[in-house]
C-alpha atoms as a PDB file:
ATOM      1  CA  MET A   1     -93.672  24.005 -98.918  1.00  0.00           C
ATOM      2  CA  SER A   2     -91.171  24.388 -96.124  1.00  0.00           C
ATOM      3  CA  SER A   3     -87.751  25.893 -95.638  1.00  0.00           C
ATOM      4  CA  THR A   4     -85.239  24.986 -92.970  1.00  0.00           C
ATOM      5  CA  THR A   5     -81.652  25.876 -92.197  1.00  0.00           C
ATOM      6  CA  ILE A   6     -78.859  23.512 -91.241  1.00  0.00           C
ATOM      7  CA  ASP A   7     -76.351  26.083 -90.049  1.00  0.00           C
ATOM      8  CA  GLU A   8     -77.838  29.093 -88.311  1.00  0.00           C
ATOM      9  CA  ASN A   9     -74.398  30.360 -87.310  1.00  0.00           C
ATOM     10  CA  ALA A  10     -73.050  31.066 -90.792  1.00  0.00           C
ATOM     11  CA  PRO A  11     -70.829  34.184 -90.988  1.00  0.00           C
ATOM     12  CA  ALA A  12     -72.754  37.416 -91.513  1.00  0.00           C
ATOM     13  CA  ALA A  13     -70.559  38.221 -94.509  1.00  0.00           C
ATOM     14  CA  ALA A  14     -72.087  35.297 -96.345  1.00  0.00           C
ATOM     15  CA  ALA A  15     -75.416  37.162 -96.438  1.00  0.00           C
ATOM     16  CA  SER A  16     -73.979  39.578 -99.029  1.00  0.00           C
ATOM     17  CA  THR A  17     -73.504  36.713-101.465  1.00  0.00           C
ATOM     18  CA  PRO A  18     -76.745  35.173-102.712  1.00  0.00           C
ATOM     19  CA  PRO A  19     -76.769  31.453-101.916  1.00  0.00           C
ATOM     20  CA  HIS A  20     -76.705  29.056-104.836  1.00  0.00           C
ATOM     21  CA  GLU A  21     -78.128  25.571-105.181  1.00  0.00           C
ATOM     22  CA  VAL A  22     -75.631  22.789-104.502  1.00  0.00           C
ATOM     23  CA  ASP A  23     -77.892  19.724-104.448  1.00  0.00           C
ATOM     24  CA  GLU A  24     -81.353  18.841-105.705  1.00  0.00           C
ATOM     25  CA  CYS A  25     -83.440  15.652-105.375  1.00  0.00           C
ATOM     26  CA  ARG A  26     -86.458  14.872-107.555  1.00  0.00           C
ATOM     27  CA  GLY A  27     -87.629  18.488-107.502  1.00  0.00           C
ATOM     28  CA  VAL A  28     -88.748  18.286-103.876  1.00  0.00           C
ATOM     29  CA  LEU A  29     -85.501  18.944-102.010  1.00  0.00           C
ATOM     30  CA  ARG A  30     -83.033  21.744-102.691  1.00  0.00           C
ATOM     31  CA  VAL A  31     -79.888  22.368-100.665  1.00  0.00           C
ATOM     32  CA  TYR A  32     -78.125  25.731-100.890  1.00  0.00           C
ATOM     33  CA  SER A  33     -74.563  26.882-100.383  1.00  0.00           C
ATOM     34  CA  ASP A  34     -75.408  28.712 -97.142  1.00  0.00           C
ATOM     35  CA  GLY A  35     -76.756  25.493 -95.611  1.00  0.00           C
ATOM     36  CA  SER A  36     -80.399  26.427 -96.051  1.00  0.00           C
ATOM     37  CA  ILE A  37     -82.867  23.869 -97.355  1.00  0.00           C
ATOM     38  CA  TRP A  38     -86.067  24.125 -99.344  1.00  0.00           C
ATOM     39  CA  ARG A  39     -88.342  21.123 -99.093  1.00  0.00           C
ATOM     40  CA  SER A  40     -91.778  20.411-100.499  1.00  0.00           C
ATOM     41  CA  ASN A  41     -94.217  18.294 -98.531  1.00  0.00           C
ATOM     42  CA  LYS A  42     -95.631  16.948-101.785  1.00  0.00           C
ATOM     43  CA  PRO A  43     -93.986  14.854-104.531  1.00  0.00           C
ATOM     44  CA  SER A  44     -93.148  16.329-107.922  1.00  0.00           C
ATOM     45  CA  PHE A  45     -95.687  14.061-109.630  1.00  0.00           C
ATOM     46  CA  GLU A  46     -99.467  14.013-109.602  1.00  0.00           C
ATOM     47  CA  MET A  47    -101.190  10.701-108.935  1.00  0.00           C
ATOM     48  CA  PRO A  48    -104.796   9.940-107.995  1.00  0.00           C
ATOM     49  CA  VAL A  49    -105.514   7.994-104.806  1.00  0.00           C
ATOM     50  CA  PRO A  50    -108.516   5.753-105.515  1.00  0.00           C
ATOM     51  CA  ASP A  51    -109.932   5.196-102.037  1.00  0.00           C
ATOM     52  CA  ASP A  52    -112.983   2.980-102.617  1.00  0.00           C
ATOM     53  CA  GLY A  53    -113.538   2.057 -98.982  1.00  0.00           C
ATOM     54  CA  SER A  54    -112.357  -1.543 -99.348  1.00  0.00           C
ATOM     55  CA  VAL A  55    -109.366  -0.684 -97.139  1.00  0.00           C
ATOM     56  CA  LEU A  56    -109.775   1.330 -93.952  1.00  0.00           C
ATOM     57  CA  TRP A  57    -106.962   3.582 -92.778  1.00  0.00           C
ATOM     58  CA  LYS A  58    -105.962   6.073 -90.119  1.00  0.00           C
ATOM     59  CA  ASP A  59    -102.894   7.887 -88.806  1.00  0.00           C
ATOM     60  CA  ALA A  60    -101.291   7.540 -85.387  1.00  0.00           C
ATOM     61  CA  VAL A  61     -98.396   9.290 -83.639  1.00  0.00           C
ATOM     62  CA  PHE A  62     -95.592   6.902 -82.703  1.00  0.00           C
ATOM     63  CA  ASP A  63     -92.930   9.432 -81.681  1.00  0.00           C
ATOM     64  CA  ALA A  64     -94.319  12.652 -80.261  1.00  0.00           C
ATOM     65  CA  ALA A  65     -90.839  14.051 -79.545  1.00  0.00           C
ATOM     66  CA  HIS A  66     -90.041  14.120 -83.259  1.00  0.00           C
ATOM     67  CA  SER A  67     -93.639  14.623 -84.466  1.00  0.00           C
ATOM     68  CA  LEU A  68     -93.545  11.312 -86.337  1.00  0.00           C
ATOM     69  CA  GLN A  69     -96.659   9.508 -87.486  1.00  0.00           C
ATOM     70  CA  LEU A  70     -97.443   6.194 -89.090  1.00  0.00           C
ATOM     71  CA  ARG A  71    -100.387   5.221 -91.279  1.00  0.00           C
ATOM     72  CA  LEU A  72    -102.385   2.091 -90.482  1.00  0.00           C
ATOM     73  CA  TYR A  73    -104.384   0.098 -93.028  1.00  0.00           C
ATOM     74  CA  LYS A  74    -106.685  -2.915 -92.787  1.00  0.00           C
ATOM     75  CA  PRO A  75    -109.194  -4.594 -95.105  1.00  0.00           C
ATOM     76  CA  ALA A  76    -112.773  -3.454 -94.530  1.00  0.00           C
ATOM     77  CA  LYS A  77    -113.911  -7.066 -94.892  1.00  0.00           C
ATOM     78  CA  PRO A  78    -111.004  -9.200 -93.643  1.00  0.00           C
ATOM     79  CA  SER A  79    -110.663 -12.839 -94.643  1.00  0.00           C
ATOM     80  CA  SER A  80    -110.054 -13.901 -91.031  1.00  0.00           C
ATOM     81  CA  PRO A  81    -110.534 -12.415 -87.537  1.00  0.00           C
ATOM     82  CA  LYS A  82    -106.800 -11.875 -86.994  1.00  0.00           C
ATOM     83  CA  LEU A  83    -104.457 -10.722 -89.747  1.00  0.00           C
ATOM     84  CA  PRO A  84    -100.659 -10.668 -90.047  1.00  0.00           C
ATOM     85  CA  ILE A  85     -98.962  -7.297 -89.633  1.00  0.00           C
ATOM     86  CA  PHE A  86     -96.876  -5.991 -92.522  1.00  0.00           C
ATOM     87  CA  TYR A  87     -94.639  -2.948 -92.094  1.00  0.00           C
ATOM     88  CA  TYR A  88     -94.034  -0.970 -95.281  1.00  0.00           C
ATOM     89  CA  ILE A  89     -91.229   1.572 -94.819  1.00  0.00           C
ATOM     90  CA  HIS A  90     -91.123   4.025 -97.735  1.00  0.00           C
ATOM     91  CA  GLY A  91     -88.083   4.789 -99.878  1.00  0.00           C
ATOM     92  CA  GLY A  92     -86.501   7.999-101.116  1.00  0.00           C
ATOM     93  CA  GLY A  93     -82.771   7.703-100.542  1.00  0.00           C
ATOM     94  CA  PHE A  94     -83.265   8.754 -96.884  1.00  0.00           C
ATOM     95  CA  CYS A  95     -83.841  12.276 -98.254  1.00  0.00           C
ATOM     96  CA  ILE A  96     -87.395  12.407 -99.626  1.00  0.00           C
ATOM     97  CA  GLY A  97     -90.704  10.534 -99.405  1.00  0.00           C
ATOM     98  CA  SER A  98     -93.544  10.183 -96.927  1.00  0.00           C
ATOM     99  CA  ARG A  99     -96.214   7.776 -95.780  1.00  0.00           C
ATOM    100  CA  ALA A 100     -98.686  10.359 -97.146  1.00  0.00           C
ATOM    101  CA  TRP A 101     -97.338  10.465-100.713  1.00  0.00           C
ATOM    102  CA  PRO A 102     -99.891   9.013-103.149  1.00  0.00           C
ATOM    103  CA  ASN A 103     -97.580   6.285-104.499  1.00  0.00           C
ATOM    104  CA  CYS A 104     -97.004   5.060-100.942  1.00  0.00           C
ATOM    105  CA  GLN A 105    -100.674   5.172 -99.992  1.00  0.00           C
ATOM    106  CA  ASN A 106    -101.773   3.407-103.187  1.00  0.00           C
ATOM    107  CA  TYR A 107     -99.274   0.602-102.666  1.00  0.00           C
ATOM    108  CA  CYS A 108    -100.333   0.188 -99.043  1.00  0.00           C
ATOM    109  CA  PHE A 109    -103.955  -0.151-100.195  1.00  0.00           C
ATOM    110  CA  LYS A 110    -102.872  -3.035-102.409  1.00  0.00           C
ATOM    111  CA  LEU A 111    -100.729  -4.643 -99.726  1.00  0.00           C
ATOM    112  CA  ALA A 112    -103.586  -4.564 -97.214  1.00  0.00           C
ATOM    113  CA  SER A 113    -106.187  -5.964 -99.600  1.00  0.00           C
ATOM    114  CA  GLN A 114    -104.097  -8.511-101.511  1.00  0.00           C
ATOM    115  CA  LEU A 115    -102.044  -9.790 -98.579  1.00  0.00           C
ATOM    116  CA  GLN A 116    -105.044  -9.581 -96.227  1.00  0.00           C
ATOM    117  CA  ALA A 117    -102.843  -7.885 -93.673  1.00  0.00           C
ATOM    118  CA  VAL A 118    -102.743  -4.953 -91.314  1.00  0.00           C
ATOM    119  CA  VAL A 119    -100.232  -2.619 -92.962  1.00  0.00           C
ATOM    120  CA  ILE A 120     -98.187  -0.117 -90.969  1.00  0.00           C
ATOM    121  CA  SER A 121     -96.375   2.606 -92.909  1.00  0.00           C
ATOM    122  CA  PRO A 122     -94.198   4.838 -90.708  1.00  0.00           C
ATOM    123  CA  ASP A 123     -92.521   8.103 -91.539  1.00  0.00           C
ATOM    124  CA  TYR A 124     -88.967   8.777 -90.402  1.00  0.00           C
ATOM    125  CA  ARG A 125     -86.717  11.806 -90.138  1.00  0.00           C
ATOM    126  CA  LEU A 126     -85.139  12.772 -93.450  1.00  0.00           C
ATOM    127  CA  SER A 127     -81.673  13.876 -94.479  1.00  0.00           C
ATOM    128  CA  PRO A 128     -79.772  16.134 -94.700  1.00  0.00           C
ATOM    129  CA  GLU A 129     -81.544  17.794 -91.755  1.00  0.00           C
ATOM    130  CA  ASN A 130     -81.374  14.477 -89.892  1.00  0.00           C
ATOM    131  CA  ARG A 131     -78.572  12.278 -91.158  1.00  0.00           C
ATOM    132  CA  LEU A 132     -78.179   8.597 -90.429  1.00  0.00           C
ATOM    133  CA  PRO A 133     -78.675   6.931 -87.995  1.00  0.00           C
ATOM    134  CA  ALA A 134     -81.850   9.017 -87.408  1.00  0.00           C
ATOM    135  CA  ALA A 135     -83.940   7.065 -89.956  1.00  0.00           C
ATOM    136  CA  ILE A 136     -82.823   3.721 -88.512  1.00  0.00           C
ATOM    137  CA  GLU A 137     -83.683   4.824 -84.979  1.00  0.00           C
ATOM    138  CA  ASP A 138     -87.112   5.965 -86.158  1.00  0.00           C
ATOM    139  CA  GLY A 139     -87.749   2.611 -87.808  1.00  0.00           C
ATOM    140  CA  TYR A 140     -86.871   0.961 -84.514  1.00  0.00           C
ATOM    141  CA  SER A 141     -89.229   3.298 -82.634  1.00  0.00           C
ATOM    142  CA  ALA A 142     -92.050   2.501 -85.066  1.00  0.00           C
ATOM    143  CA  VAL A 143     -91.756  -1.223 -84.273  1.00  0.00           C
ATOM    144  CA  LYS A 144     -91.437  -0.591 -80.535  1.00  0.00           C
ATOM    145  CA  TRP A 145     -94.677   1.421 -80.811  1.00  0.00           C
ATOM    146  CA  LEU A 146     -96.370  -1.787 -81.963  1.00  0.00           C
ATOM    147  CA  GLN A 147     -95.104  -3.544 -78.849  1.00  0.00           C
ATOM    148  CA  SER A 148     -96.542  -0.739 -76.716  1.00  0.00           C
ATOM    149  CA  GLN A 149     -99.930  -1.330 -78.357  1.00  0.00           C
ATOM    150  CA  ALA A 150     -99.710  -5.072 -77.737  1.00  0.00           C
ATOM    151  CA  THR A 151     -99.076  -4.521 -74.024  1.00  0.00           C
ATOM    152  CA  ALA A 152    -101.163  -1.394 -73.340  1.00  0.00           C
ATOM    153  CA  ASP A 153    -103.979  -1.412 -70.798  1.00  0.00           C
ATOM    154  CA  GLU A 154    -106.021   0.727 -73.190  1.00  0.00           C
ATOM    155  CA  PRO A 155    -104.696  -0.021 -76.697  1.00  0.00           C
ATOM    156  CA  ASP A 156    -106.098   1.272 -79.959  1.00  0.00           C
ATOM    157  CA  THR A 157    -108.747  -1.384 -80.621  1.00  0.00           C
ATOM    158  CA  TRP A 158    -108.936  -0.330 -84.289  1.00  0.00           C
ATOM    159  CA  LEU A 159    -105.538  -2.041 -84.526  1.00  0.00           C
ATOM    160  CA  THR A 160    -105.623  -4.699 -81.824  1.00  0.00           C
ATOM    161  CA  ASP A 161    -108.999  -6.166 -82.820  1.00  0.00           C
ATOM    162  CA  ALA A 162    -107.609  -7.044 -86.266  1.00  0.00           C
ATOM    163  CA  ALA A 163    -103.876  -7.628 -85.727  1.00  0.00           C
ATOM    164  CA  ASP A 164    -102.036 -10.835 -84.912  1.00  0.00           C
ATOM    165  CA  PHE A 165     -98.994  -9.627 -82.987  1.00  0.00           C
ATOM    166  CA  SER A 166     -97.333 -13.033 -83.327  1.00  0.00           C
ATOM    167  CA  ARG A 167     -97.108 -12.677 -87.137  1.00  0.00           C
ATOM    168  CA  VAL A 168     -95.200  -9.507 -87.966  1.00  0.00           C
ATOM    169  CA  PHE A 169     -93.258  -8.926 -91.183  1.00  0.00           C
ATOM    170  CA  ILE A 170     -91.007  -5.907 -91.640  1.00  0.00           C
ATOM    171  CA  SER A 171     -90.648  -4.623 -95.181  1.00  0.00           C
ATOM    172  CA  GLY A 172     -89.058  -1.609 -96.763  1.00  0.00           C
ATOM    173  CA  ASP A 173     -88.723  -0.095-100.209  1.00  0.00           C
ATOM    174  CA  SER A 174     -85.229   1.145-101.226  1.00  0.00           C
ATOM    175  CA  ALA A 175     -84.049   3.213 -98.224  1.00  0.00           C
ATOM    176  CA  GLY A 176     -86.830   1.480 -96.329  1.00  0.00           C
ATOM    177  CA  GLY A 177     -85.262  -1.838 -97.324  1.00  0.00           C
ATOM    178  CA  ASN A 178     -82.001  -0.646 -95.813  1.00  0.00           C
ATOM    179  CA  ILE A 179     -83.873   0.213 -92.609  1.00  0.00           C
ATOM    180  CA  ALA A 180     -85.467  -3.265 -92.619  1.00  0.00           C
ATOM    181  CA  HIS A 181     -82.013  -4.874 -92.886  1.00  0.00           C
ATOM    182  CA  ASN A 182     -80.661  -2.843 -89.991  1.00  0.00           C
ATOM    183  CA  LEU A 183     -83.699  -3.775 -87.897  1.00  0.00           C
ATOM    184  CA  ALA A 184     -83.198  -7.458 -88.743  1.00  0.00           C
ATOM    185  CA  VAL A 185     -79.640  -7.190 -87.433  1.00  0.00           C
ATOM    186  CA  ARG A 186     -80.729  -5.256 -84.350  1.00  0.00           C
ATOM    187  CA  PHE A 187     -83.618  -7.531 -83.354  1.00  0.00           C
ATOM    188  CA  GLY A 188     -81.967 -10.834 -84.318  1.00  0.00           C
ATOM    189  CA  ALA A 189     -83.802 -14.126 -84.801  1.00  0.00           C
ATOM    190  CA  GLY A 190     -86.853 -14.442 -82.584  1.00  0.00           C
ATOM    191  CA  SER A 191     -87.052 -10.685 -81.817  1.00  0.00           C
ATOM    192  CA  ALA A 192     -87.061 -11.489 -78.082  1.00  0.00           C
ATOM    193  CA  GLU A 193     -86.982  -7.842 -76.984  1.00  0.00           C
ATOM    194  CA  LEU A 194     -90.319  -7.231 -78.718  1.00  0.00           C
ATOM    195  CA  THR A 195     -92.343  -9.828 -76.780  1.00  0.00           C
ATOM    196  CA  PRO A 196     -95.288 -10.409 -77.228  1.00  0.00           C
ATOM    197  CA  VAL A 197     -94.688  -9.073 -80.735  1.00  0.00           C
ATOM    198  CA  ARG A 198     -92.938 -11.660 -82.897  1.00  0.00           C
ATOM    199  CA  VAL A 199     -91.231 -10.771 -86.170  1.00  0.00           C
ATOM    200  CA  LYS A 200     -91.494 -13.752 -88.529  1.00  0.00           C
ATOM    201  CA  GLY A 201     -89.600 -12.345 -91.505  1.00  0.00           C
ATOM    202  CA  TYR A 202     -88.256  -9.406 -93.476  1.00  0.00           C
ATOM    203  CA  VAL A 203     -88.963  -8.288 -97.047  1.00  0.00           C
ATOM    204  CA  TYR A 204     -86.390  -6.018 -98.694  1.00  0.00           C
ATOM    205  CA  LEU A 205     -87.787  -4.357-101.817  1.00  0.00           C
ATOM    206  CA  ALA A 206     -84.843  -3.085-103.882  1.00  0.00           C
ATOM    207  CA  PRO A 207     -82.757  -2.414-100.739  1.00  0.00           C
ATOM    208  CA  PHE A 208     -80.622   0.729-100.827  1.00  0.00           C
ATOM    209  CA  PHE A 209     -77.134  -0.500 -99.960  1.00  0.00           C
ATOM    210  CA  GLY A 210     -73.855   1.199-100.846  1.00  0.00           C
ATOM    211  CA  GLY A 211     -70.098   0.919-100.701  1.00  0.00           C
ATOM    212  CA  THR A 212     -66.982   2.797-101.737  1.00  0.00           C
ATOM    213  CA  VAL A 213     -66.235   0.286-104.493  1.00  0.00           C
ATOM    214  CA  ARG A 214     -68.655   0.444-107.433  1.00  0.00           C
ATOM    215  CA  THR A 215     -70.363  -2.764-108.516  1.00  0.00           C
ATOM    216  CA  LYS A 216     -70.243  -3.861-112.143  1.00  0.00           C
ATOM    217  CA  PHE A 217     -73.862  -2.883-112.774  1.00  0.00           C
ATOM    218  CA  GLU A 218     -73.454   0.496-111.080  1.00  0.00           C
ATOM    219  CA  ASP A 219     -70.641   1.150-113.567  1.00  0.00           C
ATOM    220  CA  GLN A 220     -72.165  -0.415-116.665  1.00  0.00           C
ATOM    221  CA  GLY A 221     -75.919  -0.289-116.074  1.00  0.00           C
ATOM    222  CA  PRO A 222     -78.292   2.026-117.961  1.00  0.00           C
ATOM    223  CA  LYS A 223     -77.386   5.684-117.496  1.00  0.00           C
ATOM    224  CA  GLU A 224     -81.048   6.649-117.975  1.00  0.00           C
ATOM    225  CA  ALA A 225     -82.131   4.437-115.078  1.00  0.00           C
ATOM    226  CA  PHE A 226     -84.960   5.776-112.883  1.00  0.00           C
ATOM    227  CA  LEU A 227     -82.472   5.689-110.007  1.00  0.00           C
ATOM    228  CA  ASN A 228     -79.279   6.709-111.821  1.00  0.00           C
ATOM    229  CA  ILE A 229     -75.779   6.673-110.407  1.00  0.00           C
ATOM    230  CA  ASP A 230     -75.634  10.448-109.941  1.00  0.00           C
ATOM    231  CA  LEU A 231     -78.775  10.377-107.834  1.00  0.00           C
ATOM    232  CA  ILE A 232     -77.511   7.398-105.840  1.00  0.00           C
ATOM    233  CA  ASP A 233     -74.309   9.305-105.052  1.00  0.00           C
ATOM    234  CA  ARG A 234     -76.291  12.419-104.154  1.00  0.00           C
ATOM    235  CA  PHE A 235     -78.575  10.560-101.754  1.00  0.00           C
ATOM    236  CA  TRP A 236     -75.582   9.060 -99.945  1.00  0.00           C
ATOM    237  CA  ARG A 237     -73.726  12.365 -99.860  1.00  0.00           C
ATOM    238  CA  LEU A 238     -76.705  13.979 -98.161  1.00  0.00           C
ATOM    239  CA  SER A 239     -77.569  11.160 -95.763  1.00  0.00           C
ATOM    240  CA  ILE A 240     -74.404   9.534 -94.372  1.00  0.00           C
ATOM    241  CA  PRO A 241     -72.874  11.052 -91.231  1.00  0.00           C
ATOM    242  CA  ILE A 242     -70.491  13.941 -91.910  1.00  0.00           C
ATOM    243  CA  GLY A 243     -66.949  12.656 -92.401  1.00  0.00           C
ATOM    244  CA  GLU A 244     -68.039   9.065 -93.108  1.00  0.00           C
ATOM    245  CA  THR A 245     -67.990   7.075 -96.360  1.00  0.00           C
ATOM    246  CA  THR A 246     -70.423   4.655 -97.984  1.00  0.00           C
ATOM    247  CA  ASP A 247     -68.628   1.829 -96.194  1.00  0.00           C
ATOM    248  CA  HIS A 248     -70.423   2.986 -93.052  1.00  0.00           C
ATOM    249  CA  PRO A 249     -72.010  -0.023 -91.255  1.00  0.00           C
ATOM    250  CA  LEU A 250     -75.534   1.312 -91.854  1.00  0.00           C
ATOM    251  CA  VAL A 251     -74.846   1.650 -95.584  1.00  0.00           C
ATOM    252  CA  ASN A 252     -72.637  -1.307 -96.547  1.00  0.00           C
ATOM    253  CA  PRO A 253     -73.653  -4.626 -94.908  1.00  0.00           C
ATOM    254  CA  PHE A 254     -70.193  -5.997 -95.722  1.00  0.00           C
ATOM    255  CA  GLY A 255     -68.082  -2.937 -94.979  1.00  0.00           C
ATOM    256  CA  PRO A 256     -64.776  -3.168 -93.087  1.00  0.00           C
ATOM    257  CA  VAL A 257     -66.376  -2.227 -89.745  1.00  0.00           C
ATOM    258  CA  SER A 258     -69.849  -3.682 -90.350  1.00  0.00           C
ATOM    259  CA  PRO A 259     -71.298  -6.370 -88.044  1.00  0.00           C
ATOM    260  CA  ASN A 260     -70.342  -9.919 -89.000  1.00  0.00           C
ATOM    261  CA  LEU A 261     -73.562 -11.319 -90.472  1.00  0.00           C
ATOM    262  CA  GLU A 262     -72.068 -14.795 -90.783  1.00  0.00           C
ATOM    263  CA  THR A 263     -72.172 -15.295 -87.025  1.00  0.00           C
ATOM    264  CA  MET A 264     -75.641 -13.808 -86.514  1.00  0.00           C
ATOM    265  CA  ASP A 265     -78.957 -15.606 -86.163  1.00  0.00           C
ATOM    266  CA  LEU A 266     -81.474 -13.862 -88.417  1.00  0.00           C
ATOM    267  CA  ASP A 267     -85.140 -14.319 -89.177  1.00  0.00           C
ATOM    268  CA  PRO A 268     -86.126 -15.371 -92.745  1.00  0.00           C
ATOM    269  CA  ILE A 269     -85.483 -12.726 -95.406  1.00  0.00           C
ATOM    270  CA  LEU A 270     -86.944 -12.147 -98.877  1.00  0.00           C
ATOM    271  CA  VAL A 271     -84.904  -9.910-101.209  1.00  0.00           C
ATOM    272  CA  ILE A 272     -86.609  -8.433-104.291  1.00  0.00           C
ATOM    273  CA  VAL A 273     -84.894  -6.459-107.048  1.00  0.00           C
ATOM    274  CA  GLY A 274     -85.486  -5.388-110.641  1.00  0.00           C
ATOM    275  CA  GLY A 275     -83.102  -6.677-113.293  1.00  0.00           C
ATOM    276  CA  SER A 276     -82.472  -3.130-114.583  1.00  0.00           C
ATOM    277  CA  ASP A 277     -82.000  -1.618-111.128  1.00  0.00           C
ATOM    278  CA  LEU A 278     -78.486  -0.269-110.604  1.00  0.00           C
ATOM    279  CA  LEU A 279     -78.663  -1.630-107.048  1.00  0.00           C
ATOM    280  CA  LYS A 280     -79.133  -5.180-108.364  1.00  0.00           C
ATOM    281  CA  ASP A 281     -75.580  -6.428-107.776  1.00  0.00           C
ATOM    282  CA  ARG A 282     -75.558  -5.352-104.135  1.00  0.00           C
ATOM    283  CA  ALA A 283     -78.894  -7.047-103.424  1.00  0.00           C
ATOM    284  CA  GLU A 284     -77.775 -10.234-105.153  1.00  0.00           C
ATOM    285  CA  GLU A 285     -74.435 -10.296-103.325  1.00  0.00           C
ATOM    286  CA  TYR A 286     -76.259  -9.822-100.015  1.00  0.00           C
ATOM    287  CA  ALA A 287     -78.550 -12.777-100.693  1.00  0.00           C
ATOM    288  CA  LYS A 288     -75.770 -15.052-101.975  1.00  0.00           C
ATOM    289  CA  LYS A 289     -73.500 -14.404 -99.003  1.00  0.00           C
ATOM    290  CA  LEU A 290     -76.239 -14.933 -96.438  1.00  0.00           C
ATOM    291  CA  LYS A 291     -77.379 -18.113 -98.183  1.00  0.00           C
ATOM    292  CA  LYS A 292     -73.787 -19.388 -98.179  1.00  0.00           C
ATOM    293  CA  TRP A 293     -73.690 -18.702 -94.435  1.00  0.00           C
ATOM    294  CA  GLY A 294     -76.776 -20.826 -93.879  1.00  0.00           C
ATOM    295  CA  LYS A 295     -79.371 -18.091 -93.448  1.00  0.00           C
ATOM    296  CA  LYS A 296     -82.943 -18.617 -94.592  1.00  0.00           C
ATOM    297  CA  ILE A 297     -83.043 -16.168 -97.473  1.00  0.00           C
ATOM    298  CA  GLU A 298     -84.798 -15.966-100.828  1.00  0.00           C
ATOM    299  CA  TYR A 299     -83.747 -13.788-103.769  1.00  0.00           C
ATOM    300  CA  VAL A 300     -86.136 -12.925-106.606  1.00  0.00           C
ATOM    301  CA  GLU A 301     -85.113 -10.772-109.564  1.00  0.00           C
ATOM    302  CA  PHE A 302     -87.680  -9.378-111.980  1.00  0.00           C
ATOM    303  CA  GLU A 303     -86.116  -9.244-115.423  1.00  0.00           C
ATOM    304  CA  GLY A 304     -86.014  -5.842-117.100  1.00  0.00           C
ATOM    305  CA  GLN A 305     -87.667  -3.997-114.198  1.00  0.00           C
ATOM    306  CA  GLN A 306     -86.487  -0.661-112.863  1.00  0.00           C
ATOM    307  CA  HIS A 307     -85.960   0.458-109.290  1.00  0.00           C
ATOM    308  CA  GLY A 308     -89.339   0.766-107.559  1.00  0.00           C
ATOM    309  CA  PHE A 309     -91.302  -0.812-110.426  1.00  0.00           C
ATOM    310  CA  PHE A 310     -93.932  -2.094-107.982  1.00  0.00           C
ATOM    311  CA  THR A 311     -94.996   1.378-106.855  1.00  0.00           C
ATOM    312  CA  ILE A 312     -94.454   3.097-110.220  1.00  0.00           C
ATOM    313  CA  ASN A 313     -96.890   0.664-111.851  1.00  0.00           C
ATOM    314  CA  PRO A 314     -98.506  -1.506-109.175  1.00  0.00           C
ATOM    315  CA  ASP A 315    -100.964  -3.020-111.687  1.00  0.00           C
ATOM    316  CA  SER A 316     -98.282  -4.332-114.053  1.00  0.00           C
ATOM    317  CA  LYS A 317     -97.791  -8.072-114.476  1.00  0.00           C
ATOM    318  CA  PRO A 318     -94.403  -8.059-112.644  1.00  0.00           C
ATOM    319  CA  SER A 319     -95.963  -6.108-109.748  1.00  0.00           C
ATOM    320  CA  GLN A 320     -98.804  -8.595-109.522  1.00  0.00           C
ATOM    321  CA  GLU A 321     -96.322 -11.485-109.558  1.00  0.00           C
ATOM    322  CA  LEU A 322     -94.328  -9.768-106.810  1.00  0.00           C
ATOM    323  CA  MET A 323     -97.423  -9.547-104.612  1.00  0.00           C
ATOM    324  CA  LEU A 324     -97.864 -13.325-104.965  1.00  0.00           C
ATOM    325  CA  VAL A 325     -94.209 -13.861-104.016  1.00  0.00           C
ATOM    326  CA  ILE A 326     -94.670 -11.754-100.871  1.00  0.00           C
ATOM    327  CA  LYS A 327     -97.913 -13.550 -99.998  1.00  0.00           C
ATOM    328  CA  LYS A 328     -96.224 -16.946-100.349  1.00  0.00           C
ATOM    329  CA  PHE A 329     -93.346 -15.767 -98.134  1.00  0.00           C
ATOM    330  CA  ILE A 330     -95.771 -14.613 -95.426  1.00  0.00           C
ATOM    331  CA  GLU A 331     -97.750 -17.843 -95.559  1.00  0.00           C
ATOM    332  CA  GLY A 332     -94.592 -19.940 -95.484  1.00  0.00           C
ATOM    333  CA  ASN A 333     -93.254 -18.198 -92.389  1.00  0.00           C
ATOM    334  CA  SER A 334     -96.419 -17.703 -90.355  1.00  0.00           C
ATOM    335  CA  VAL A 335     -96.300 -20.938 -88.365  1.00  0.00           C
END
């Protein structure tokens, strides 16, 4: 467990009044009226991590200044000498989650073995201690770290012996999907600034987008949804810059001051969403607009599935079908 404080300069008089809880997220983050924060380094759920040795993994520091690590995975018996690289950026509304949480590790095991890929799962600074754009900048740093490995005189051979730096795919789950979108915009088609690393495509898994105007499904979707509207609002309230709204360019791809995606050259994008996910309308609108503007984009909706269905039950039939969709996308964009 850990406790931090946002405002260390609160008036002394406030100490006479016991602080009360003002926000709570999934039982692992509590924000109090005096600005203090309680945070657990473990999720609120128990889940086994079946590590059978078929996937090898290790941690590496990619940003020493912020004590940020990423977790690397590769098949113990790869299908070919060089494998594509697949970033998996975890979700959690920018407020919770970690590369080390069991649901994240279990899904990365499956991605590495079933995609036959080197999987890179970075952490990033969380809100409200570190509001946006911190998470986006950390996602950028995690990809630049890969470039540093590709060009290093003494790289980590555990990675470089297995990885094909010319076939990189950047994926994210929920908030991680938002980060992936913002990286796609930042790097642009061809990812020239990353040479010799080459991003070949992006996979947004239930991307966490927002906006000041509610979508139809946000208004009328199931109130008992795994990611309900109250929690969505809470995540944004805790993560967007102070004084901003959910039309912020990092939150709403089509906000009034957001970059014009119509005029941008972007690498191929795959958008995945569950049919019962309250974020469905925003993901679908994103895909339809970009397709209309001539971008290479695919949209796949899994009927009846909740937000994050693929990590909640990675062995379900929809999750297995999703893995095949991702594999096909990688194979189709690896040339």
